[in-house]
Amino acid sequence: MEQLRLVNTSHGPVSYVLERKRVKNLNLRIRRDGTVVLSIPMRCPLAEADRLVQEKSAWILEGQARMRDQAVPLPPLPDRGTCRMLLQQALERVYPLVEGLGVAMPELKLRAMRSQWGNCHWRQGYVTLNTALARCPEELRDYVALHELVHFLHHDHGPGFYASMDALMPDWRERRKALRRYGAALIPETNREIT
């Protein structure tokens, strides 16, 4: 259950999305698109949530400003066919890196996601890539595609996963850092699959 709230702070007004969840603590974060989200326990008073946002307002506004400063101009999101073509090409470019390691070419699914660039469904044999990646440069699409393919070898982000990424794409950390500048591309559309 989400609620949009506005709090006046000593640094100016701050709007945030309030989420009541089954959590023990108050969890404040800034999404890649600059949206402030505060998750609170189900019985937490609203005044306590607003108070935390007031206390952290300087941190929030600095974080949002940093995101705006680091953001890059984005091209418009291409049509569905172009998205599929660009992301399929990324998968095909990096697939040879894992093919010899026993990874079968997975099915590609596309989704508009708000907080992830992709995910791997290794048991079902498919990867999902965010349509927003079509707005990013080719080398960043390739990084995300390889990241998801490596999850067929290592299902978590443990040492083996990172060792494989280091071996297969030595500059993956620089690519990941560059991808953060494209956070505004994460579009808050519905998580509808594109077939």
C-alpha atoms as a PDB file:
ATOM      1  CA  MET A   1       0.000   0.000   0.000  1.00  0.00           C
ATOM      2  CA  GLU A   2       1.643   3.216  -1.198  1.00  0.00           C
ATOM      3  CA  GLN A   3       0.799   6.779  -0.235  1.00  0.00           C
ATOM      4  CA  LEU A   4       2.388   9.972  -1.570  1.00  0.00           C
ATOM      5  CA  ARG A   5       3.260  12.415   1.217  1.00  0.00           C
ATOM      6  CA  LEU A   6       4.725  15.920   1.376  1.00  0.00           C
ATOM      7  CA  VAL A   7       6.742  17.150   4.362  1.00  0.00           C
ATOM      8  CA  ASN A   8       7.969  20.685   4.985  1.00  0.00           C
ATOM      9  CA  THR A   9      11.546  20.610   6.225  1.00  0.00           C
ATOM     10  CA  SER A  10      14.172  23.192   7.120  1.00  0.00           C
ATOM     11  CA  HIS A  11      15.685  22.491   3.669  1.00  0.00           C
ATOM     12  CA  GLY A  12      12.403  22.912   1.784  1.00  0.00           C
ATOM     13  CA  PRO A  13       9.489  20.614   0.933  1.00  0.00           C
ATOM     14  CA  VAL A  14      10.220  16.922   0.387  1.00  0.00           C
ATOM     15  CA  SER A  15       7.745  14.550  -1.214  1.00  0.00           C
ATOM     16  CA  TYR A  16       8.056  10.834  -0.633  1.00  0.00           C
ATOM     17  CA  VAL A  17       6.264   7.568  -1.235  1.00  0.00           C
ATOM     18  CA  LEU A  18       5.202   5.875   1.991  1.00  0.00           C
ATOM     19  CA  GLU A  19       4.961   2.074   1.931  1.00  0.00           C
ATOM     20  CA  ARG A  20       3.496   0.134   4.838  1.00  0.00           C
ATOM     21  CA  LYS A  21       5.117  -3.295   4.856  1.00  0.00           C
ATOM     22  CA  ARG A  22       5.899  -6.201   7.108  1.00  0.00           C
ATOM     23  CA  VAL A  23       9.258  -4.752   8.129  1.00  0.00           C
ATOM     24  CA  LYS A  24      10.805  -4.145  11.535  1.00  0.00           C
ATOM     25  CA  ASN A  25      12.582  -0.853  10.816  1.00  0.00           C
ATOM     26  CA  LEU A  26      11.997   2.308   8.851  1.00  0.00           C
ATOM     27  CA  ASN A  27      13.845   2.001   5.521  1.00  0.00           C
ATOM     28  CA  LEU A  28      14.536   5.203   3.579  1.00  0.00           C
ATOM     29  CA  ARG A  29      15.920   5.070   0.040  1.00  0.00           C
ATOM     30  CA  ILE A  30      16.142   7.101  -3.128  1.00  0.00           C
ATOM     31  CA  ARG A  31      15.238   5.252  -6.321  1.00  0.00           C
ATOM     32  CA  ARG A  32      17.304   5.694  -9.439  1.00  0.00           C
ATOM     33  CA  ASP A  33      14.662   8.028 -10.821  1.00  0.00           C
ATOM     34  CA  GLY A  34      15.034  10.303  -7.755  1.00  0.00           C
ATOM     35  CA  THR A  35      11.833   9.198  -6.017  1.00  0.00           C
ATOM     36  CA  VAL A  36      12.144   9.031  -2.238  1.00  0.00           C
ATOM     37  CA  VAL A  37      10.601   5.898  -0.731  1.00  0.00           C
ATOM     38  CA  LEU A  38      10.107   5.178   2.958  1.00  0.00           C
ATOM     39  CA  SER A  39       9.025   1.683   4.033  1.00  0.00           C
ATOM     40  CA  ILE A  40       7.604   1.509   7.549  1.00  0.00           C
ATOM     41  CA  PRO A  41       6.126  -1.206   9.801  1.00  0.00           C
ATOM     42  CA  MET A  42       2.372  -1.656   9.528  1.00  0.00           C
ATOM     43  CA  ARG A  43       1.637   0.015  12.897  1.00  0.00           C
ATOM     44  CA  CYS A  44       4.153   2.848  12.680  1.00  0.00           C
ATOM     45  CA  PRO A  45       2.588   6.296  13.245  1.00  0.00           C
ATOM     46  CA  LEU A  46       2.685   8.684  10.282  1.00  0.00           C
ATOM     47  CA  ALA A  47       4.265  11.337  12.494  1.00  0.00           C
ATOM     48  CA  GLU A  48       7.287   9.076  13.016  1.00  0.00           C
ATOM     49  CA  ALA A  49       7.644   8.587   9.253  1.00  0.00           C
ATOM     50  CA  ASP A  50       7.416  12.323   8.591  1.00  0.00           C
ATOM     51  CA  ARG A  51       9.919  13.014  11.367  1.00  0.00           C
ATOM     52  CA  LEU A  52      12.498  10.693   9.777  1.00  0.00           C
ATOM     53  CA  VAL A  53      12.096  12.440   6.411  1.00  0.00           C
ATOM     54  CA  GLN A  54      12.556  15.815   8.133  1.00  0.00           C
ATOM     55  CA  GLU A  55      15.712  14.593   9.890  1.00  0.00           C
ATOM     56  CA  LYS A  56      17.156  13.164   6.667  1.00  0.00           C
ATOM     57  CA  SER A  57      16.042  16.005   4.369  1.00  0.00           C
ATOM     58  CA  ALA A  58      19.581  17.310   3.735  1.00  0.00           C
ATOM     59  CA  TRP A  59      20.740  13.797   2.767  1.00  0.00           C
ATOM     60  CA  ILE A  60      17.658  13.333   0.541  1.00  0.00           C
ATOM     61  CA  LEU A  61      18.055  16.624  -1.313  1.00  0.00           C
ATOM     62  CA  GLU A  62      21.816  16.128  -1.752  1.00  0.00           C
ATOM     63  CA  GLY A  63      21.231  12.622  -3.115  1.00  0.00           C
ATOM     64  CA  GLN A  64      18.599  13.822  -5.569  1.00  0.00           C
ATOM     65  CA  ALA A  65      20.850  16.681  -6.719  1.00  0.00           C
ATOM     66  CA  ARG A  66      23.754  14.276  -7.210  1.00  0.00           C
ATOM     67  CA  MET A  67      21.529  12.022  -9.318  1.00  0.00           C
ATOM     68  CA  ARG A  68      20.418  14.959 -11.472  1.00  0.00           C
ATOM     69  CA  ASP A  69      24.030  16.128 -11.940  1.00  0.00           C
ATOM     70  CA  GLN A  70      25.211  12.678 -12.955  1.00  0.00           C
ATOM     71  CA  ALA A  71      22.291  11.921 -15.253  1.00  0.00           C
ATOM     72  CA  VAL A  72      22.803  11.889 -18.988  1.00  0.00           C
ATOM     73  CA  PRO A  73      20.353  13.026 -21.666  1.00  0.00           C
ATOM     74  CA  LEU A  74      18.196  10.102 -22.695  1.00  0.00           C
ATOM     75  CA  PRO A  75      16.862   9.297 -26.137  1.00  0.00           C
ATOM     76  CA  PRO A  76      13.168   8.433 -26.292  1.00  0.00           C
ATOM     77  CA  LEU A  77      12.172   4.839 -25.643  1.00  0.00           C
ATOM     78  CA  PRO A  78      12.038   3.032 -28.997  1.00  0.00           C
ATOM     79  CA  ASP A  79       8.994   1.097 -30.121  1.00  0.00           C
ATOM     80  CA  ARG A  80       8.489  -2.469 -28.934  1.00  0.00           C
ATOM     81  CA  GLY A  81      10.035  -4.074 -32.007  1.00  0.00           C
ATOM     82  CA  THR A  82      13.186  -1.965 -31.778  1.00  0.00           C
ATOM     83  CA  CYS A  83      13.501  -2.691 -28.027  1.00  0.00           C
ATOM     84  CA  ARG A  84      13.293  -6.415 -28.724  1.00  0.00           C
ATOM     85  CA  MET A  85      15.857  -6.175 -31.531  1.00  0.00           C
ATOM     86  CA  LEU A  86      18.373  -4.127 -29.478  1.00  0.00           C
ATOM     87  CA  LEU A  87      18.139  -6.356 -26.406  1.00  0.00           C
ATOM     88  CA  GLN A  88      18.204  -9.605 -28.423  1.00  0.00           C
ATOM     89  CA  GLN A  89      21.354  -8.336 -30.140  1.00  0.00           C
ATOM     90  CA  ALA A  90      22.954  -7.624 -26.758  1.00  0.00           C
ATOM     91  CA  LEU A  91      22.159 -11.139 -25.578  1.00  0.00           C
ATOM     92  CA  GLU A  92      23.561 -12.631 -28.788  1.00  0.00           C
ATOM     93  CA  ARG A  93      26.752 -10.528 -28.604  1.00  0.00           C
ATOM     94  CA  VAL A  94      27.673 -11.754 -25.112  1.00  0.00           C
ATOM     95  CA  TYR A  95      26.253 -15.286 -25.284  1.00  0.00           C
ATOM     96  CA  PRO A  96      29.440 -16.753 -26.849  1.00  0.00           C
ATOM     97  CA  LEU A  97      31.256 -15.815 -23.613  1.00  0.00           C
ATOM     98  CA  VAL A  98      29.181 -18.332 -21.611  1.00  0.00           C
ATOM     99  CA  GLU A  99      28.232 -20.835 -24.292  1.00  0.00           C
ATOM    100  CA  GLY A 100      31.355 -22.945 -23.738  1.00  0.00           C
ATOM    101  CA  LEU A 101      30.597 -23.016 -20.003  1.00  0.00           C
ATOM    102  CA  GLY A 102      27.427 -25.043 -20.549  1.00  0.00           C
ATOM    103  CA  VAL A 103      24.864 -22.226 -20.614  1.00  0.00           C
ATOM    104  CA  ALA A 104      22.073 -22.809 -23.129  1.00  0.00           C
ATOM    105  CA  MET A 105      20.797 -19.750 -25.013  1.00  0.00           C
ATOM    106  CA  PRO A 106      17.912 -18.542 -22.848  1.00  0.00           C
ATOM    107  CA  GLU A 107      14.599 -17.173 -24.008  1.00  0.00           C
ATOM    108  CA  LEU A 108      14.446 -13.381 -23.814  1.00  0.00           C
ATOM    109  CA  LYS A 109      11.518 -11.613 -22.194  1.00  0.00           C
ATOM    110  CA  LEU A 110      11.147  -7.859 -21.923  1.00  0.00           C
ATOM    111  CA  ARG A 111       9.495  -5.823 -19.197  1.00  0.00           C
ATOM    112  CA  ALA A 112       9.298  -2.223 -18.126  1.00  0.00           C
ATOM    113  CA  MET A 113      10.664  -2.356 -14.575  1.00  0.00           C
ATOM    114  CA  ARG A 114      11.107   0.425 -12.017  1.00  0.00           C
ATOM    115  CA  SER A 115      14.114  -0.780 -10.074  1.00  0.00           C
ATOM    116  CA  GLN A 116      15.945  -3.494 -12.015  1.00  0.00           C
ATOM    117  CA  TRP A 117      17.770  -3.604 -15.324  1.00  0.00           C
ATOM    118  CA  GLY A 118      17.213  -7.333 -15.674  1.00  0.00           C
ATOM    119  CA  ASN A 119      16.768 -10.627 -13.918  1.00  0.00           C
ATOM    120  CA  CYS A 120      17.518 -14.288 -14.533  1.00  0.00           C
ATOM    121  CA  HIS A 121      15.055 -17.139 -14.224  1.00  0.00           C
ATOM    122  CA  TRP A 122      17.608 -19.913 -14.496  1.00  0.00           C
ATOM    123  CA  ARG A 123      15.221 -22.722 -13.551  1.00  0.00           C
ATOM    124  CA  GLN A 124      12.792 -21.728 -16.294  1.00  0.00           C
ATOM    125  CA  GLY A 125      15.530 -20.972 -18.838  1.00  0.00           C
ATOM    126  CA  TYR A 126      14.859 -17.327 -19.568  1.00  0.00           C
ATOM    127  CA  VAL A 127      16.154 -13.853 -18.785  1.00  0.00           C
ATOM    128  CA  THR A 128      14.131 -10.683 -18.509  1.00  0.00           C
ATOM    129  CA  LEU A 129      15.673  -7.401 -19.616  1.00  0.00           C
ATOM    130  CA  ASN A 130      14.232  -3.991 -18.861  1.00  0.00           C
ATOM    131  CA  THR A 131      12.961  -2.182 -21.944  1.00  0.00           C
ATOM    132  CA  ALA A 132      14.643   0.957 -20.544  1.00  0.00           C
ATOM    133  CA  LEU A 133      17.987  -0.600 -21.544  1.00  0.00           C
ATOM    134  CA  ALA A 134      17.102   0.263 -25.144  1.00  0.00           C
ATOM    135  CA  ARG A 135      17.775   3.893 -24.154  1.00  0.00           C
ATOM    136  CA  CYS A 136      21.314   3.043 -22.983  1.00  0.00           C
ATOM    137  CA  PRO A 137      24.519   2.609 -24.990  1.00  0.00           C
ATOM    138  CA  GLU A 138      25.345  -0.789 -26.456  1.00  0.00           C
ATOM    139  CA  GLU A 139      28.173  -1.568 -24.006  1.00  0.00           C
ATOM    140  CA  LEU A 140      25.789  -1.097 -21.068  1.00  0.00           C
ATOM    141  CA  ARG A 141      23.152  -3.351 -22.633  1.00  0.00           C
ATOM    142  CA  ASP A 142      25.889  -5.954 -23.122  1.00  0.00           C
ATOM    143  CA  TYR A 143      26.943  -5.668 -19.472  1.00  0.00           C
ATOM    144  CA  VAL A 144      23.397  -6.301 -18.193  1.00  0.00           C
ATOM    145  CA  ALA A 145      22.867  -9.172 -20.635  1.00  0.00           C
ATOM    146  CA  LEU A 146      26.097 -10.852 -19.517  1.00  0.00           C
ATOM    147  CA  HIS A 147      25.262 -10.232 -15.847  1.00  0.00           C
ATOM    148  CA  GLU A 148      22.025 -12.172 -16.305  1.00  0.00           C
ATOM    149  CA  LEU A 149      23.695 -14.954 -18.307  1.00  0.00           C
ATOM    150  CA  VAL A 150      26.334 -15.452 -15.587  1.00  0.00           C
ATOM    151  CA  HIS A 151      23.466 -16.121 -13.165  1.00  0.00           C
ATOM    152  CA  PHE A 152      22.928 -19.401 -15.039  1.00  0.00           C
ATOM    153  CA  LEU A 153      26.361 -20.378 -13.661  1.00  0.00           C
ATOM    154  CA  HIS A 154      26.091 -18.679 -10.254  1.00  0.00           C
ATOM    155  CA  HIS A 155      22.581 -18.108  -8.939  1.00  0.00           C
ATOM    156  CA  ASP A 156      23.606 -15.457  -6.400  1.00  0.00           C
ATOM    157  CA  HIS A 157      26.073 -12.576  -6.161  1.00  0.00           C
ATOM    158  CA  GLY A 158      28.724 -14.608  -4.354  1.00  0.00           C
ATOM    159  CA  PRO A 159      32.471 -14.729  -5.042  1.00  0.00           C
ATOM    160  CA  GLY A 160      32.024 -17.177  -7.925  1.00  0.00           C
ATOM    161  CA  PHE A 161      29.676 -14.792  -9.711  1.00  0.00           C
ATOM    162  CA  TYR A 162      32.119 -11.893  -9.464  1.00  0.00           C
ATOM    163  CA  ALA A 163      35.069 -14.069 -10.480  1.00  0.00           C
ATOM    164  CA  SER A 164      33.177 -15.115 -13.609  1.00  0.00           C
ATOM    165  CA  MET A 165      32.270 -11.515 -14.427  1.00  0.00           C
ATOM    166  CA  ASP A 166      35.925 -10.503 -13.969  1.00  0.00           C
ATOM    167  CA  ALA A 167      37.066 -13.265 -16.316  1.00  0.00           C
ATOM    168  CA  LEU A 168      34.418 -12.688 -18.994  1.00  0.00           C
ATOM    169  CA  MET A 169      34.164  -8.883 -18.964  1.00  0.00           C
ATOM    170  CA  PRO A 170      37.126  -7.337 -17.122  1.00  0.00           C
ATOM    171  CA  ASP A 171      35.662  -3.809 -17.315  1.00  0.00           C
ATOM    172  CA  TRP A 172      32.232  -4.750 -15.979  1.00  0.00           C
ATOM    173  CA  ARG A 173      32.627  -2.567 -12.860  1.00  0.00           C
ATOM    174  CA  GLU A 174      33.198   0.542 -14.997  1.00  0.00           C
ATOM    175  CA  ARG A 175      30.148  -0.365 -17.074  1.00  0.00           C
ATOM    176  CA  ARG A 176      28.053  -0.845 -13.938  1.00  0.00           C
ATOM    177  CA  LYS A 177      29.169   2.564 -12.687  1.00  0.00           C
ATOM    178  CA  ALA A 178      28.307   4.156 -16.050  1.00  0.00           C
ATOM    179  CA  LEU A 179      24.878   2.497 -15.984  1.00  0.00           C
ATOM    180  CA  ARG A 180      24.017   4.366 -12.784  1.00  0.00           C
ATOM    181  CA  ARG A 181      23.972   7.591 -14.788  1.00  0.00           C
ATOM    182  CA  TYR A 182      21.038   6.177 -16.788  1.00  0.00           C
ATOM    183  CA  GLY A 183      18.813   5.620 -13.746  1.00  0.00           C
ATOM    184  CA  ALA A 184      16.245   8.077 -15.100  1.00  0.00           C
ATOM    185  CA  ALA A 185      15.577   5.594 -17.892  1.00  0.00           C
ATOM    186  CA  LEU A 186      13.904   3.295 -15.385  1.00  0.00           C
ATOM    187  CA  ILE A 187      10.367   4.133 -16.272  1.00  0.00           C
ATOM    188  CA  PRO A 188       7.548   3.651 -13.757  1.00  0.00           C
ATOM    189  CA  GLU A 189       5.236   1.849 -16.144  1.00  0.00           C
ATOM    190  CA  THR A 190       3.295  -1.244 -15.279  1.00  0.00           C
ATOM    191  CA  ASN A 191       5.370  -4.408 -15.137  1.00  0.00           C
ATOM    192  CA  ARG A 192       3.719  -5.824 -18.189  1.00  0.00           C
ATOM    193  CA  GLU A 193       5.575  -8.391 -20.245  1.00  0.00           C
ATOM    194  CA  ILE A 194       6.252  -7.648 -23.890  1.00  0.00           C
ATOM    195  CA  THR A 195       6.008 -10.838 -25.916  1.00  0.00           C
END
